[in-house]
């Protein structure tokens, strides 16, 4: 796992407290930093998907607040980690103000494409659920000034949600 040296220019609460459709493209080019056993490594975020509120039929919040998704109803900047297919942990970042359930699925990091691939490679599991990216000593996101060109596409694997949710271009990719 080859990472980059980090400078600790950490994103603050205000960054995450904005609407998910603003935060998601702004995450591209930022660096996810993970510190394990005293070694910090950094990975550029290259692909994310936005999930916006109870009206979004692809969102875990579509049925209202539950034990599983309750973190989405809190303030932005916390991690929402859940297991899919009984084998892959998904890394999500809560955004927006408290009470407005929004989250961003991190779909890809440079050299780690795919949400299940990246969490497995980085050792991210349920123990990261609820982690505060603003104050955590083991995971955070930094801004080093990289502003990539952003490509928007429909989200992946949400055919159950129907229209217009399937066609919304809420997947953001670094060009």
C-alpha atoms as a PDB file:
ATOM      1  CA  UNK A   1       0.000   0.000   0.000  1.00  0.00           C
ATOM      2  CA  UNK A   2       1.966   3.001  -1.279  1.00  0.00           C
ATOM      3  CA  UNK A   3       0.696   6.321  -0.015  1.00  0.00           C
ATOM      4  CA  UNK A   4       1.928   9.899  -0.180  1.00  0.00           C
ATOM      5  CA  UNK A   5       3.511  12.007   2.556  1.00  0.00           C
ATOM      6  CA  UNK A   6       0.855  14.141   4.215  1.00  0.00           C
ATOM      7  CA  UNK A   7       0.821  17.735   5.450  1.00  0.00           C
ATOM      8  CA  UNK A   8      -2.297  17.618   7.668  1.00  0.00           C
ATOM      9  CA  UNK A   9      -4.405  20.318   5.940  1.00  0.00           C
ATOM     10  CA  UNK A  10      -7.565  18.821   7.356  1.00  0.00           C
ATOM     11  CA  UNK A  11     -11.078  19.683   6.182  1.00  0.00           C
ATOM     12  CA  UNK A  12     -13.214  21.347   8.852  1.00  0.00           C
ATOM     13  CA  UNK A  13     -16.853  20.933   9.909  1.00  0.00           C
ATOM     14  CA  UNK A  14     -18.002  23.787   7.667  1.00  0.00           C
ATOM     15  CA  UNK A  15     -16.810  21.865   4.591  1.00  0.00           C
ATOM     16  CA  UNK A  16     -18.998  18.858   5.471  1.00  0.00           C
ATOM     17  CA  UNK A  17     -21.991  20.900   6.660  1.00  0.00           C
ATOM     18  CA  UNK A  18     -22.933  21.936   3.119  1.00  0.00           C
ATOM     19  CA  UNK A  19     -25.407  20.199   0.806  1.00  0.00           C
ATOM     20  CA  UNK A  20     -24.280  16.809  -0.484  1.00  0.00           C
ATOM     21  CA  UNK A  21     -24.477  17.937  -4.118  1.00  0.00           C
ATOM     22  CA  UNK A  22     -21.931  20.666  -3.328  1.00  0.00           C
ATOM     23  CA  UNK A  23     -19.644  18.577  -1.109  1.00  0.00           C
ATOM     24  CA  UNK A  24     -19.508  15.505  -3.399  1.00  0.00           C
ATOM     25  CA  UNK A  25     -17.751  17.149  -6.370  1.00  0.00           C
ATOM     26  CA  UNK A  26     -15.601  19.192  -3.965  1.00  0.00           C
ATOM     27  CA  UNK A  27     -14.244  15.929  -2.481  1.00  0.00           C
ATOM     28  CA  UNK A  28     -12.612  14.984  -5.780  1.00  0.00           C
ATOM     29  CA  UNK A  29      -8.879  15.634  -5.648  1.00  0.00           C
ATOM     30  CA  UNK A  30      -8.907  15.730  -1.848  1.00  0.00           C
ATOM     31  CA  UNK A  31      -6.800  13.170   0.032  1.00  0.00           C
ATOM     32  CA  UNK A  32      -8.157  10.523   2.363  1.00  0.00           C
ATOM     33  CA  UNK A  33      -5.536   9.985   5.056  1.00  0.00           C
ATOM     34  CA  UNK A  34      -5.539   6.843   7.152  1.00  0.00           C
ATOM     35  CA  UNK A  35      -3.175   6.352  10.087  1.00  0.00           C
ATOM     36  CA  UNK A  36      -2.561   2.832  11.340  1.00  0.00           C
ATOM     37  CA  UNK A  37       0.177   1.642  13.685  1.00  0.00           C
ATOM     38  CA  UNK A  38       1.695   5.126  13.643  1.00  0.00           C
ATOM     39  CA  UNK A  39       2.007   5.227   9.842  1.00  0.00           C
ATOM     40  CA  UNK A  40      -0.142   7.700   7.908  1.00  0.00           C
ATOM     41  CA  UNK A  41      -0.830   7.145   4.227  1.00  0.00           C
ATOM     42  CA  UNK A  42      -2.755   9.347   1.815  1.00  0.00           C
ATOM     43  CA  UNK A  43      -4.943   8.441  -1.157  1.00  0.00           C
ATOM     44  CA  UNK A  44      -6.514  10.840  -3.668  1.00  0.00           C
ATOM     45  CA  UNK A  45     -10.320  10.636  -3.927  1.00  0.00           C
ATOM     46  CA  UNK A  46     -11.289  10.084  -7.574  1.00  0.00           C
ATOM     47  CA  UNK A  47     -14.942   8.942  -7.513  1.00  0.00           C
ATOM     48  CA  UNK A  48     -17.938   9.530  -5.230  1.00  0.00           C
ATOM     49  CA  UNK A  49     -21.745   9.248  -5.271  1.00  0.00           C
ATOM     50  CA  UNK A  50     -24.244  11.530  -3.525  1.00  0.00           C
ATOM     51  CA  UNK A  51     -27.343  10.364  -1.628  1.00  0.00           C
ATOM     52  CA  UNK A  52     -29.686  13.180  -0.676  1.00  0.00           C
ATOM     53  CA  UNK A  53     -32.409  12.938   1.926  1.00  0.00           C
ATOM     54  CA  UNK A  54     -35.536  10.902   2.495  1.00  0.00           C
ATOM     55  CA  UNK A  55     -36.968  11.806  -0.937  1.00  0.00           C
ATOM     56  CA  UNK A  56     -34.013  10.159  -2.728  1.00  0.00           C
ATOM     57  CA  UNK A  57     -35.306   6.654  -3.422  1.00  0.00           C
ATOM     58  CA  UNK A  58     -31.732   5.321  -3.674  1.00  0.00           C
ATOM     59  CA  UNK A  59     -30.814   6.631  -0.207  1.00  0.00           C
ATOM     60  CA  UNK A  60     -30.809   4.561   2.965  1.00  0.00           C
ATOM     61  CA  UNK A  61     -32.893   7.400   4.432  1.00  0.00           C
ATOM     62  CA  UNK A  62     -35.822   6.747   2.037  1.00  0.00           C
ATOM     63  CA  UNK A  63     -37.719   4.829   4.759  1.00  0.00           C
ATOM     64  CA  UNK A  64     -36.923   7.360   7.475  1.00  0.00           C
ATOM     65  CA  UNK A  65     -34.578   7.145  10.428  1.00  0.00           C
ATOM     66  CA  UNK A  66     -33.519   3.643  11.493  1.00  0.00           C
ATOM     67  CA  UNK A  67     -30.834   2.188  13.736  1.00  0.00           C
ATOM     68  CA  UNK A  68     -28.703   1.509  10.641  1.00  0.00           C
ATOM     69  CA  UNK A  69     -28.894   4.981   9.060  1.00  0.00           C
ATOM     70  CA  UNK A  70     -29.293   7.202  12.147  1.00  0.00           C
ATOM     71  CA  UNK A  71     -25.812   8.666  11.705  1.00  0.00           C
ATOM     72  CA  UNK A  72     -27.008  10.224   8.425  1.00  0.00           C
ATOM     73  CA  UNK A  73     -29.328  12.418  10.507  1.00  0.00           C
ATOM     74  CA  UNK A  74     -26.433  13.942  12.438  1.00  0.00           C
ATOM     75  CA  UNK A  75     -24.125  16.776  11.500  1.00  0.00           C
ATOM     76  CA  UNK A  76     -21.770  16.484   8.538  1.00  0.00           C
ATOM     77  CA  UNK A  77     -18.257  15.102   8.836  1.00  0.00           C
ATOM     78  CA  UNK A  78     -18.938  11.691  10.374  1.00  0.00           C
ATOM     79  CA  UNK A  79     -18.472   8.293   8.735  1.00  0.00           C
ATOM     80  CA  UNK A  80     -21.384   6.020   7.894  1.00  0.00           C
ATOM     81  CA  UNK A  81     -20.026   2.500   7.433  1.00  0.00           C
ATOM     82  CA  UNK A  82     -22.231  -0.428   6.481  1.00  0.00           C
ATOM     83  CA  UNK A  83     -21.800  -3.945   5.124  1.00  0.00           C
ATOM     84  CA  UNK A  84     -23.207  -5.093   1.771  1.00  0.00           C
ATOM     85  CA  UNK A  85     -23.484  -8.627   0.410  1.00  0.00           C
ATOM     86  CA  UNK A  86     -22.188  -9.809   3.792  1.00  0.00           C
ATOM     87  CA  UNK A  87     -18.632  -9.070   2.701  1.00  0.00           C
ATOM     88  CA  UNK A  88     -17.911  -5.455   1.666  1.00  0.00           C
ATOM     89  CA  UNK A  89     -17.758  -2.448   3.978  1.00  0.00           C
ATOM     90  CA  UNK A  90     -18.925   0.794   2.355  1.00  0.00           C
ATOM     91  CA  UNK A  91     -17.263   4.099   3.291  1.00  0.00           C
ATOM     92  CA  UNK A  92     -19.729   7.001   3.389  1.00  0.00           C
ATOM     93  CA  UNK A  93     -19.298  10.574   4.562  1.00  0.00           C
ATOM     94  CA  UNK A  94     -22.273  12.302   6.180  1.00  0.00           C
ATOM     95  CA  UNK A  95     -22.885  15.847   4.911  1.00  0.00           C
ATOM     96  CA  UNK A  96     -25.314  18.687   5.479  1.00  0.00           C
ATOM     97  CA  UNK A  97     -26.871  19.988   8.674  1.00  0.00           C
ATOM     98  CA  UNK A  98     -28.190  17.743  11.453  1.00  0.00           C
ATOM     99  CA  UNK A  99     -31.667  16.435  10.698  1.00  0.00           C
ATOM    100  CA  UNK A 100     -31.174  16.387   6.908  1.00  0.00           C
ATOM    101  CA  UNK A 101     -29.920  12.869   6.012  1.00  0.00           C
ATOM    102  CA  UNK A 102     -27.258  13.106   3.321  1.00  0.00           C
ATOM    103  CA  UNK A 103     -24.195  11.012   2.615  1.00  0.00           C
ATOM    104  CA  UNK A 104     -21.481  10.468   0.030  1.00  0.00           C
ATOM    105  CA  UNK A 105     -20.295   7.000  -0.922  1.00  0.00           C
ATOM    106  CA  UNK A 106     -16.567   6.979  -1.670  1.00  0.00           C
ATOM    107  CA  UNK A 107     -16.448   4.798  -4.810  1.00  0.00           C
ATOM    108  CA  UNK A 108     -12.784   5.137  -5.725  1.00  0.00           C
ATOM    109  CA  UNK A 109      -9.355   6.277  -4.629  1.00  0.00           C
ATOM    110  CA  UNK A 110      -6.381   6.562  -6.963  1.00  0.00           C
ATOM    111  CA  UNK A 111      -5.100   3.010  -7.582  1.00  0.00           C
ATOM    112  CA  UNK A 112      -7.987   1.608  -5.501  1.00  0.00           C
ATOM    113  CA  UNK A 113     -11.065   1.565  -7.758  1.00  0.00           C
ATOM    114  CA  UNK A 114     -14.292   0.266  -6.276  1.00  0.00           C
ATOM    115  CA  UNK A 115     -15.832   0.894  -2.862  1.00  0.00           C
ATOM    116  CA  UNK A 116     -15.306  -2.659  -1.568  1.00  0.00           C
ATOM    117  CA  UNK A 117     -11.745  -2.803  -2.880  1.00  0.00           C
ATOM    118  CA  UNK A 118     -10.702   0.407  -1.172  1.00  0.00           C
ATOM    119  CA  UNK A 119     -12.142  -0.420   2.250  1.00  0.00           C
ATOM    120  CA  UNK A 120     -10.575  -3.874   2.180  1.00  0.00           C
ATOM    121  CA  UNK A 121      -7.168  -2.493   1.134  1.00  0.00           C
ATOM    122  CA  UNK A 122      -7.258   0.198   3.828  1.00  0.00           C
ATOM    123  CA  UNK A 123      -8.637  -2.029   6.603  1.00  0.00           C
ATOM    124  CA  UNK A 124     -11.792   0.062   6.998  1.00  0.00           C
ATOM    125  CA  UNK A 125     -14.518  -1.877   8.786  1.00  0.00           C
ATOM    126  CA  UNK A 126     -17.440  -1.305  11.169  1.00  0.00           C
ATOM    127  CA  UNK A 127     -15.064   0.062  13.814  1.00  0.00           C
ATOM    128  CA  UNK A 128     -14.868   3.240  11.705  1.00  0.00           C
ATOM    129  CA  UNK A 129     -18.645   3.797  11.864  1.00  0.00           C
ATOM    130  CA  UNK A 130     -19.301   7.144  13.552  1.00  0.00           C
ATOM    131  CA  UNK A 131     -15.693   8.315  13.268  1.00  0.00           C
ATOM    132  CA  UNK A 132     -15.443  12.121  13.168  1.00  0.00           C
ATOM    133  CA  UNK A 133     -13.301  13.148  10.178  1.00  0.00           C
ATOM    134  CA  UNK A 134     -12.720  16.565  11.764  1.00  0.00           C
ATOM    135  CA  UNK A 135     -11.118  15.225  14.964  1.00  0.00           C
ATOM    136  CA  UNK A 136     -10.109  11.606  14.316  1.00  0.00           C
ATOM    137  CA  UNK A 137      -6.504  10.572  14.741  1.00  0.00           C
ATOM    138  CA  UNK A 138      -6.885   7.550  12.467  1.00  0.00           C
ATOM    139  CA  UNK A 139      -8.801   8.872   9.429  1.00  0.00           C
ATOM    140  CA  UNK A 140      -9.399  12.310   7.933  1.00  0.00           C
ATOM    141  CA  UNK A 141      -9.508  14.194   4.626  1.00  0.00           C
ATOM    142  CA  UNK A 142      -7.084  16.896   3.517  1.00  0.00           C
ATOM    143  CA  UNK A 143      -7.224  19.620   0.889  1.00  0.00           C
ATOM    144  CA  UNK A 144      -3.919  20.113  -0.904  1.00  0.00           C
ATOM    145  CA  UNK A 145      -5.303  22.454  -3.540  1.00  0.00           C
ATOM    146  CA  UNK A 146      -5.923  19.917  -6.333  1.00  0.00           C
ATOM    147  CA  UNK A 147      -8.993  20.946  -8.374  1.00  0.00           C
ATOM    148  CA  UNK A 148      -9.612  18.252 -11.007  1.00  0.00           C
ATOM    149  CA  UNK A 149     -12.065  18.494 -13.858  1.00  0.00           C
ATOM    150  CA  UNK A 150     -15.296  16.815 -12.708  1.00  0.00           C
ATOM    151  CA  UNK A 151     -17.371  14.436 -14.827  1.00  0.00           C
ATOM    152  CA  UNK A 152     -20.964  13.698 -13.716  1.00  0.00           C
ATOM    153  CA  UNK A 153     -22.735  10.418 -14.440  1.00  0.00           C
ATOM    154  CA  UNK A 154     -25.719   8.494 -13.051  1.00  0.00           C
ATOM    155  CA  UNK A 155     -25.177   6.480  -9.888  1.00  0.00           C
ATOM    156  CA  UNK A 156     -24.388   2.761 -10.064  1.00  0.00           C
ATOM    157  CA  UNK A 157     -26.563  -0.184  -8.979  1.00  0.00           C
ATOM    158  CA  UNK A 158     -29.737   1.668  -8.023  1.00  0.00           C
ATOM    159  CA  UNK A 159     -32.275   0.412 -10.579  1.00  0.00           C
ATOM    160  CA  UNK A 160     -34.693  -0.318  -7.695  1.00  0.00           C
ATOM    161  CA  UNK A 161     -35.022   3.446  -7.078  1.00  0.00           C
ATOM    162  CA  UNK A 162     -36.820   4.223 -10.364  1.00  0.00           C
ATOM    163  CA  UNK A 163     -36.899   7.573 -12.126  1.00  0.00           C
ATOM    164  CA  UNK A 164     -35.758  10.255 -11.745  1.00  0.00           C
ATOM    165  CA  UNK A 165     -33.325   8.780  -9.216  1.00  0.00           C
ATOM    166  CA  UNK A 166     -31.717   6.320 -11.629  1.00  0.00           C
ATOM    167  CA  UNK A 167     -30.916   9.068 -14.146  1.00  0.00           C
ATOM    168  CA  UNK A 168     -29.747  11.774 -11.716  1.00  0.00           C
ATOM    169  CA  UNK A 169     -26.086  12.502 -12.469  1.00  0.00           C
ATOM    170  CA  UNK A 170     -25.049  12.291  -8.836  1.00  0.00           C
ATOM    171  CA  UNK A 171     -21.877  10.258  -9.394  1.00  0.00           C
ATOM    172  CA  UNK A 172     -18.804  12.492  -9.625  1.00  0.00           C
ATOM    173  CA  UNK A 173     -15.531  11.344 -11.185  1.00  0.00           C
ATOM    174  CA  UNK A 174     -12.146  13.056 -11.584  1.00  0.00           C
ATOM    175  CA  UNK A 175     -11.278  13.488 -15.250  1.00  0.00           C
END
